[in-house]
Amino acid sequence: MLLAQQLILSITFVLSLVASIISYANEVPPKDVLSTDAQSQSKQISNMTLAVEDSWPPYANAYGEGISTDIVKQALESVGVSLNLKVYPYAQLLEEMHKGLIPGGYNVTRQTSREKKLLFGNEPILNATASFYFPLNNEKSKHYKSIYDIPDGSTIGVITDYEYGDIYEKQKHRFKEIKVSQQTQIINMLRRGRIDGAIMFDTVANYTLDSMELSRNSIEKGFLNHISEVYVAFSKTHKDSHIYAEILDKGLSKIKNNGQYQKIMAQWSYSQEQQN
């Protein structure tokens, strides 16, 4: 009798577990499937207005053209949505999103300070490495191994309102930030020794040096600052933000799975190799 009761309890437990798994699977859609609400609304959305910054080549140049725009455009087209692109300075892009004047913008690094004010989807556009750079005549910098080695009061060049990772956020109070709007300004200040150092995204630094017809050895590349996950961010106050984020996630997931994403990255890699 006891054995029979134990057998019944075991069977009941297994059936309950199976039922829970089935219920969870039914409730949580796959990553690349839109929610029911998003599916119904996406059928009415034929275009999406997004903004991009104007000074982060090769990801986005003064006209908004670049790697990031190619990726976003292809992702949206894969789900039947066209991109209506606006191009702003980065600080203005963030301000427009915070006010809900535009639903979203890119290239925004996902970090704690931004997550408090903006909505992020699940799929990043890309990953980008950023390093510290120093003037060639800064002998002390050759011994720096991390941000903790840089002396208090050092002048550090940055782009206005850029995100440079959570560790830098906690350390930047030690430095005197020199904020500018263009990558070329940072490079010129480094070459002339007007700042002690700067943070630049590596691909952007190389691209900008090439476009200025300068050797990549014109400035000293130092240690890695951080690896950034770059996203399309959305306004928390715009009515369409959540739907747009889901639609874009589906498109990004789709082109990453069907090889279109990799093709875009390969084309840009080849183009940059041809220029060097």
Foldseek 3Di string as FASTA:
>chain_A
DVVVVVVVVVVVVVVVVVVVVVVVPVVDDPQLDFDPVLVVVVVVAQEFEEEEEAAQPQCQHNVGHHLLVVLLQQLLVVLRHGYDYDYHQPVVRVVCLLVQVHFWYDFAFDDDVVVVFWAFADDFSDKFWKFKWAAPPLPLQVPDAAPVSDAFAFEEEDEPPHDQYDVCVVVVVRYHYDYDRHPVVQLVCRLVVVGGIYMDTVVRLVVVCLVVVHDSVSIGTHYIRDMTRTHIITHPPHPCNVSVSSSSSSSSVVCVVVVVSVVSVVVVVVVVVVSD
